[in-house]
Amino acid sequence: MISLKGKRVLITGGLGFIGSNLAHRCLDLGAEVTIYDCLDPKSGGNLYNIHDIRDSVHKILDDIRHFEPLCAAILHKDILFNCAAFTSHPNSMKEPLIDIDVNCKGVINILEAARRFNRDVKIVHVGTSTQIGRMIRKPIDETHPEFPADIYSANKTASEKYVLIYGGAYKLRTTVLRLANVYGPRSNIRSADFGFMNYFIGLALQDRDISVFGRGEQLRNISFVDDAVDALIRAAGSEKSDGRVFFAGADRQYNVADIAKAIVKYIGSGSIRRVAWPRDREAIEIGDVVIRNALIKRILGWKPRVDLKTGLLRTRDYYRPRLRQYLD
C-alpha cells in the first residue's frame, strides 16, 4: 500500500466529487490535507462531503482564479491534486468565457504559483476522456488524436498541454490522469450537468424515471470513484508518472441504456423512458467511447477493481441515509 505519511497535500476542488473522496483517502494514508475550493454552485462542491473529516483538514474557501491566495496555499506542499474545474459540457457552451477562466486561466495560475514558489511540488492534474472527441480509431489510447466537441473538453485539452509544457520547460513534476464517467459517493446527483451517470443515480434514489436519449446504444467507459482515486494516488507517488498522460478507465464498456438498467436494478424502482435527443445535447454528442488502459497498468501497476454491480451497491448504501444532504 502507498503511504503518504507526513506528506503535505493540497487538493484544489477538494469539496467536489473526486476531490473530497481524494481527501478522505489521503488522510487514511497519513497525509496532512489542505482543501482549496470556491464552492461555485455550477461546479458541484458540497461542504457535507467533508463533514466527517472537517476537523482533520485545513480548508481554504477561495478560487483558483485568485492568484495570491493560491500562491500562499501552495507553499511547502509536497503534492497538489488539481480537481478544480468548471465541469459542465452544456454550460461550457452557454458560458464559454467562464469556462476559459476556470479551466485555462485557473490552471495557469496553479502552474505559475508552482513555478514561482514551489518547484518541488508534484502536480497531478485531472483530465477527461472527452478531450478526444469522436473516436477515430478503436480503442482510444494516449496517442489518439484530439478533436473535442464542446468548449469544456477543448479547454481541458488546452489545460493538459499547459501542465505538460510547464513540466518540460520548468522541470516541474507534472502528471495528467484522464478520467471517464466517474460515479460513486459524494457526487452532485441533482443535475445532469455533472455527468449522466451520477444524475441517473440521483433519479433512481428518488424512484423517478430515467430518460435515455435516443436508443442509448453509445458505449461508455465508466469508473467507480475509489478506482479513480487510487489512480491519482499512484500517479502522485511515482516518479515514473512524471511528464506523462494516462487514461484511467475501466476494462470494459457499457452502453448508456444498459447502465440505466443496472442503476434501476440495484438502486431504484423507476422505469426507463426513451426520449428524443435535445438539439443542444445532440450537437456535442461524440458516439462510442472505447478506452485502452494498458499504459497506466504497465507503468503504475494500477487496475480497476470495482465492478459495476459492486460500485452501484456501494453508492446506494452511501446515499440512502444522506439523501437530504445531496438533494435539498
Protein backbone atom coordinates (compact mmCIF):
# COMPACT_ATOMS: atom_id res chain seq x y z
CA MET A 1 0.00 0.00 0.00
CA ILE A 2 1.21 3.51 -0.82
CA SER A 3 1.94 5.66 2.22
CA LEU A 4 1.53 9.44 2.31
CA LYS A 5 2.62 9.69 5.92
CA GLY A 6 3.87 13.20 6.62
CA LYS A 7 3.18 14.41 3.07
CA ARG A 8 1.57 17.83 2.76
CA VAL A 9 -1.21 17.59 0.19
CA LEU A 10 -3.18 20.40 -1.45
CA ILE A 11 -6.41 19.47 -3.26
CA THR A 12 -7.91 22.20 -5.41
CA GLY A 13 -11.59 21.48 -5.92
CA GLY A 14 -11.42 19.48 -2.71
CA LEU A 15 -15.09 19.94 -1.79
CA GLY A 16 -16.23 18.41 -5.07
CA PHE A 17 -16.86 14.81 -6.00
CA ILE A 18 -13.42 13.45 -6.83
CA GLY A 19 -11.56 15.96 -4.65
CA SER A 20 -13.46 15.09 -1.46
CA ASN A 21 -13.05 11.35 -1.99
CA LEU A 22 -9.37 12.00 -2.58
CA ALA A 23 -9.17 14.00 0.68
CA HIS A 24 -10.58 11.08 2.64
CA ARG A 25 -8.11 8.65 1.06
CA CYS A 26 -5.12 10.95 1.60
CA LEU A 27 -5.98 11.27 5.29
CA ASP A 28 -6.26 7.49 5.57
CA LEU A 29 -2.77 7.22 4.04
CA GLY A 30 -1.27 9.60 6.60
CA ALA A 31 -1.16 12.91 4.71
CA GLU A 32 -1.72 16.43 6.02
CA VAL A 33 -4.53 17.68 3.78
CA THR A 34 -5.46 21.20 2.69
CA ILE A 35 -8.63 21.68 0.66
CA TYR A 36 -8.96 24.69 -1.64
CA ASP A 37 -12.42 25.28 -3.12
CA CYS A 38 -14.67 28.22 -4.01
CA LEU A 39 -17.97 26.30 -3.70
CA ASP A 40 -19.17 27.56 -7.07
CA PRO A 41 -22.73 26.17 -7.32
CA LYS A 42 -22.09 25.41 -11.00
CA SER A 43 -19.10 23.21 -10.16
CA GLY A 44 -20.58 20.70 -7.73
CA GLY A 45 -18.84 21.38 -4.40
CA ASN A 46 -20.63 20.40 -1.20
CA LEU A 47 -19.45 21.10 2.36
CA TYR A 48 -21.20 17.94 3.51
CA ASN A 49 -18.63 15.94 1.53
CA ILE A 50 -16.11 16.56 4.32
CA HIS A 51 -18.44 16.73 7.31
CA ASP A 52 -16.82 13.68 8.88
CA ILE A 53 -13.22 14.94 8.40
CA ARG A 54 -13.73 18.69 8.79
CA ASP A 55 -11.60 18.80 11.93
CA SER A 56 -8.79 16.85 10.23
CA VAL A 57 -8.29 19.02 7.14
CA HIS A 58 -7.37 22.64 6.58
CA LYS A 59 -9.97 24.38 4.43
CA ILE A 60 -9.43 27.42 2.21
CA LEU A 61 -12.56 28.85 0.60
CA ASP A 62 -11.16 30.60 -2.45
CA ASP A 63 -10.93 30.39 -6.22
CA ILE A 64 -8.08 29.16 -8.43
CA ARG A 65 -8.66 32.32 -10.46
CA HIS A 66 -7.30 34.28 -7.49
CA PHE A 67 -3.52 34.12 -7.76
CA GLU A 68 -2.28 35.42 -4.40
CA PRO A 69 -4.21 33.04 -2.11
CA LEU A 70 -3.29 30.18 -4.42
CA CYS A 71 0.39 31.07 -4.09
CA ALA A 72 0.09 31.10 -0.31
CA ALA A 73 -1.67 27.74 -0.34
CA ILE A 74 0.96 26.01 -2.48
CA LEU A 75 3.89 26.96 -0.24
CA HIS A 76 5.61 23.94 1.36
CA LYS A 77 3.21 21.41 -0.19
CA ASP A 78 4.58 18.08 -1.42
CA ILE A 79 1.67 17.11 -3.69
CA LEU A 80 -1.00 19.14 -5.47
CA PHE A 81 -4.04 17.39 -6.94
CA ASN A 82 -5.89 19.72 -9.30
CA CYS A 83 -9.53 18.61 -9.25
CA ALA A 84 -10.91 22.14 -9.69
CA ALA A 85 -12.86 22.76 -12.88
CA PHE A 86 -15.95 24.27 -14.45
CA THR A 87 -17.25 20.82 -15.21
CA SER A 88 -20.43 21.04 -17.29
CA HIS A 89 -20.33 20.30 -21.01
CA PRO A 90 -23.65 22.07 -21.74
CA ASN A 91 -22.84 25.07 -19.53
CA SER A 92 -19.47 25.47 -21.22
CA MET A 93 -21.34 26.10 -24.48
CA LYS A 94 -23.57 28.67 -22.79
CA GLU A 95 -20.83 30.38 -20.76
CA PRO A 96 -17.57 29.79 -22.64
CA LEU A 97 -15.73 32.72 -21.07
CA ILE A 98 -16.27 31.40 -17.55
CA ASP A 99 -15.09 28.00 -18.72
CA ILE A 100 -11.90 29.53 -20.13
CA ASP A 101 -11.31 31.50 -16.93
CA VAL A 102 -11.52 28.43 -14.71
CA ASN A 103 -10.24 25.60 -16.88
CA CYS A 104 -7.45 27.53 -18.63
CA LYS A 105 -6.51 30.66 -16.68
CA GLY A 106 -7.06 28.91 -13.36
CA VAL A 107 -4.70 26.10 -14.35
CA ILE A 108 -2.08 28.64 -15.49
CA ASN A 109 -2.39 30.23 -12.04
CA ILE A 110 -1.65 26.88 -10.39
CA LEU A 111 1.34 26.27 -12.63
CA GLU A 112 2.70 29.79 -12.18
CA ALA A 113 2.31 29.50 -8.42
CA ALA A 114 4.32 26.28 -8.51
CA ARG A 115 6.96 27.75 -10.83
CA ARG A 116 7.48 30.82 -8.66
CA PHE A 117 7.07 29.46 -5.17
CA ASN A 118 7.35 25.64 -5.04
CA ARG A 119 9.14 23.88 -7.87
CA ASP A 120 9.41 20.68 -5.86
CA VAL A 121 5.66 20.06 -5.63
CA LYS A 122 4.28 17.10 -7.56
CA ILE A 123 1.25 18.21 -9.60
CA VAL A 124 -1.37 15.65 -10.62
CA HIS A 125 -3.95 17.21 -12.93
CA VAL A 126 -7.36 15.68 -13.59
CA GLY A 127 -8.14 15.49 -17.30
CA THR A 128 -11.09 13.94 -19.09
CA SER A 129 -11.63 11.32 -21.76
CA THR A 130 -13.91 13.76 -23.63
CA GLN A 131 -10.81 15.67 -24.75
CA ILE A 132 -10.64 13.08 -27.55
CA GLY A 133 -13.97 13.96 -29.15
CA ARG A 134 -15.18 11.40 -31.66
CA MET A 135 -13.31 8.11 -31.71
CA ILE A 136 -11.26 7.83 -34.91
CA ARG A 137 -9.62 4.52 -34.12
CA LYS A 138 -10.54 1.79 -31.67
CA PRO A 139 -9.53 1.54 -28.90
CA ILE A 140 -8.62 5.05 -27.77
CA ASP A 141 -5.19 5.35 -26.15
CA GLU A 142 -2.92 8.21 -25.09
CA THR A 143 -1.73 8.76 -28.69
CA HIS A 144 -5.22 9.15 -30.16
CA PRO A 145 -5.84 12.49 -31.96
CA GLU A 146 -7.89 15.05 -30.06
CA PHE A 147 -10.84 16.85 -31.66
CA PRO A 148 -13.03 17.90 -28.71
CA ALA A 149 -16.68 18.54 -29.46
CA ASP A 150 -17.52 21.10 -26.76
CA ILE A 151 -15.87 24.06 -25.03
CA TYR A 152 -15.27 22.27 -21.74
CA SER A 153 -13.41 19.44 -23.44
CA ALA A 154 -11.43 21.88 -25.59
CA ASN A 155 -10.33 23.85 -22.55
CA LYS A 156 -9.43 20.68 -20.67
CA THR A 157 -7.27 19.74 -23.67
CA ALA A 158 -5.57 23.13 -23.52
CA SER A 159 -5.02 22.94 -19.76
CA GLU A 160 -3.48 19.48 -20.10
CA LYS A 161 -0.97 20.90 -22.57
CA TYR A 162 -0.15 23.75 -20.17
CA VAL A 163 0.58 21.20 -17.45
CA LEU A 164 2.92 19.26 -19.72
CA ILE A 165 4.60 22.41 -21.07
CA TYR A 166 5.37 23.69 -17.58
CA GLY A 167 6.68 20.28 -16.64
CA GLY A 168 9.04 20.22 -19.59
CA ALA A 169 10.10 23.86 -19.69
CA TYR A 170 10.48 24.49 -15.95
CA LYS A 171 11.32 20.97 -14.73
CA LEU A 172 8.17 20.70 -12.67
CA ARG A 173 6.91 17.24 -11.77
CA THR A 174 3.58 17.04 -13.57
CA THR A 175 1.20 14.23 -14.49
CA VAL A 176 -2.21 14.14 -16.15
CA LEU A 177 -4.86 11.50 -15.41
CA ARG A 178 -7.69 11.41 -17.93
CA LEU A 179 -10.79 10.05 -16.23
CA ALA A 180 -14.04 8.84 -17.79
CA ASN A 181 -17.57 8.93 -16.36
CA VAL A 182 -16.62 8.56 -12.70
CA TYR A 183 -19.51 7.67 -10.40
CA GLY A 184 -19.99 6.98 -6.72
CA PRO A 185 -20.43 8.64 -3.31
CA ARG A 186 -20.16 12.43 -2.83
CA SER A 187 -21.12 13.41 -6.36
CA ASN A 188 -23.67 16.04 -7.29
CA ILE A 189 -26.68 13.88 -8.14
CA ARG A 190 -29.18 16.71 -8.67
CA SER A 191 -28.17 17.83 -12.15
CA ALA A 192 -27.24 16.22 -15.45
CA ASP A 193 -24.60 18.95 -15.79
CA PHE A 194 -22.22 16.88 -13.66
CA GLY A 195 -22.35 13.64 -15.62
CA PHE A 196 -25.19 11.48 -16.84
CA MET A 197 -24.42 8.51 -14.63
CA ASN A 198 -24.49 10.33 -11.29
CA TYR A 199 -27.66 12.11 -12.40
CA PHE A 200 -29.27 8.77 -13.26
CA ILE A 201 -28.27 7.54 -9.79
CA GLY A 202 -29.93 10.57 -8.22
CA LEU A 203 -33.16 9.89 -10.12
CA ALA A 204 -33.13 6.22 -9.12
CA LEU A 205 -32.59 7.09 -5.46
CA GLN A 206 -35.84 9.07 -5.68
CA ASP A 207 -37.60 6.25 -7.56
CA ARG A 208 -38.04 8.58 -10.52
CA ASP A 209 -37.97 7.58 -14.18
CA ILE A 210 -34.69 7.81 -16.10
CA SER A 211 -34.78 9.39 -19.56
CA VAL A 212 -32.33 7.96 -22.09
CA PHE A 213 -31.70 9.99 -25.22
CA GLY A 214 -32.39 8.07 -28.43
CA ARG A 215 -31.66 4.34 -28.33
CA GLY A 216 -28.91 4.71 -25.74
CA GLU A 217 -26.58 2.40 -27.65
CA GLN A 218 -23.46 4.56 -27.43
CA LEU A 219 -20.67 2.85 -25.47
CA ARG A 220 -19.08 4.47 -22.44
CA ASN A 221 -16.17 3.69 -20.16
CA ILE A 222 -17.16 4.18 -16.53
CA SER A 223 -15.14 4.18 -13.31
CA PHE A 224 -16.06 3.86 -9.65
CA VAL A 225 -14.62 6.78 -7.72
CA ASP A 226 -12.41 4.60 -5.49
CA ASP A 227 -10.62 3.31 -8.58
CA ALA A 228 -10.14 6.86 -9.89
CA VAL A 229 -8.74 7.98 -6.54
CA ASP A 230 -6.38 5.01 -6.48
CA ALA A 231 -5.04 6.02 -9.90
CA LEU A 232 -4.45 9.60 -8.72
CA ILE A 233 -2.63 8.42 -5.59
CA ARG A 234 -0.42 6.09 -7.60
CA ALA A 235 0.45 8.88 -10.02
CA ALA A 236 1.37 11.17 -7.13
CA GLY A 237 3.60 8.57 -5.52
CA SER A 238 5.64 7.54 -8.56
CA GLU A 239 8.44 9.30 -10.40
CA LYS A 240 7.58 7.09 -13.37
CA SER A 241 4.46 9.21 -13.91
CA ASP A 242 6.39 12.49 -14.31
CA GLY A 243 5.68 14.14 -17.66
CA ARG A 244 3.11 11.52 -18.67
CA VAL A 245 -0.56 11.37 -19.57
CA PHE A 246 -2.60 8.31 -18.61
CA PHE A 247 -6.11 7.10 -19.28
CA ALA A 248 -7.51 5.62 -16.05
CA GLY A 249 -10.67 3.85 -17.16
CA ALA A 250 -12.46 0.57 -16.75
CA ASP A 251 -11.54 -2.66 -18.52
CA ARG A 252 -14.88 -2.88 -20.30
CA GLN A 253 -17.58 -0.63 -21.70
CA TYR A 254 -21.35 -0.47 -21.28
CA ASN A 255 -23.89 1.28 -23.43
CA VAL A 256 -25.92 4.05 -21.84
CA ALA A 257 -29.17 2.05 -21.89
CA ASP A 258 -27.55 -0.88 -20.05
CA ILE A 259 -26.05 1.50 -17.47
CA ALA A 260 -29.53 2.93 -16.87
CA LYS A 261 -30.96 -0.59 -16.48
CA ALA A 262 -28.29 -1.53 -13.94
CA ILE A 263 -28.95 1.64 -11.95
CA VAL A 264 -32.67 0.88 -11.81
CA LYS A 265 -31.97 -2.74 -10.86
CA TYR A 266 -29.57 -2.03 -7.99
CA ILE A 267 -30.63 1.40 -6.77
CA GLY A 268 -34.23 2.40 -7.57
CA SER A 269 -37.62 1.28 -8.76
CA GLY A 270 -38.37 3.78 -11.51
CA SER A 271 -38.61 2.96 -15.18
CA ILE A 272 -36.55 3.88 -18.22
CA ARG A 273 -38.01 6.12 -20.91
CA ARG A 274 -36.58 6.70 -24.37
CA VAL A 275 -36.77 10.36 -25.41
CA ALA A 276 -35.62 12.30 -28.44
CA TRP A 277 -32.22 13.97 -28.31
CA PRO A 278 -32.37 17.62 -27.24
CA ARG A 279 -30.83 19.68 -30.03
CA ASP A 280 -28.10 21.19 -27.83
CA ARG A 281 -27.02 17.79 -26.48
CA GLU A 282 -27.09 16.05 -29.85
CA ALA A 283 -24.80 18.77 -31.24
CA ILE A 284 -21.99 17.78 -28.85
CA GLU A 285 -22.59 14.01 -28.69
CA ILE A 286 -19.45 12.03 -29.57
CA GLY A 287 -20.74 8.50 -30.12
CA ASP A 288 -18.93 5.40 -28.80
CA VAL A 289 -16.02 5.71 -26.38
CA VAL A 290 -13.76 2.65 -26.04
CA ILE A 291 -10.62 3.36 -23.99
CA ARG A 292 -7.49 1.27 -23.56
CA ASN A 293 -5.91 1.46 -20.09
CA ALA A 294 -2.78 -0.59 -20.79
CA LEU A 295 -0.28 2.24 -20.21
CA ILE A 296 -1.27 3.02 -16.63
CA LYS A 297 -1.38 -0.69 -15.84
CA ARG A 298 2.15 -1.16 -17.17
CA ILE A 299 3.77 1.99 -15.76
CA LEU A 300 1.98 2.43 -12.43
CA GLY A 301 0.60 -1.05 -11.75
CA TRP A 302 -2.96 0.32 -11.49
CA LYS A 303 -6.04 -1.61 -12.45
CA PRO A 304 -9.75 -1.07 -11.82
CA ARG A 305 -11.05 -3.27 -9.03
CA VAL A 306 -14.72 -2.35 -8.53
CA ASP A 307 -17.26 -3.89 -10.91
CA LEU A 308 -20.47 -2.11 -11.87
CA LYS A 309 -22.77 -4.02 -9.52
CA THR A 310 -20.49 -3.54 -6.52
CA GLY A 311 -19.97 0.14 -7.30
CA LEU A 312 -23.69 0.79 -7.61
CA LEU A 313 -24.48 -1.00 -4.36
CA ARG A 314 -21.79 0.94 -2.51
CA THR A 315 -23.14 4.15 -4.00
CA ARG A 316 -26.71 3.29 -2.94
CA ASP A 317 -25.60 2.47 0.59
CA TYR A 318 -23.76 5.79 0.90
CA TYR A 319 -26.63 7.98 -0.32
CA ARG A 320 -29.67 6.29 1.23
CA PRO A 321 -29.18 7.67 4.78
CA ARG A 322 -27.81 11.00 3.48
CA LEU A 323 -30.13 11.79 0.60
CA ARG A 324 -31.33 15.11 2.01
CA GLN A 325 -27.77 16.46 2.13
CA TYR A 326 -27.43 15.89 -1.62
CA LEU A 327 -30.88 16.78 -2.92
CA ASP A 328 -32.00 19.74 -0.80
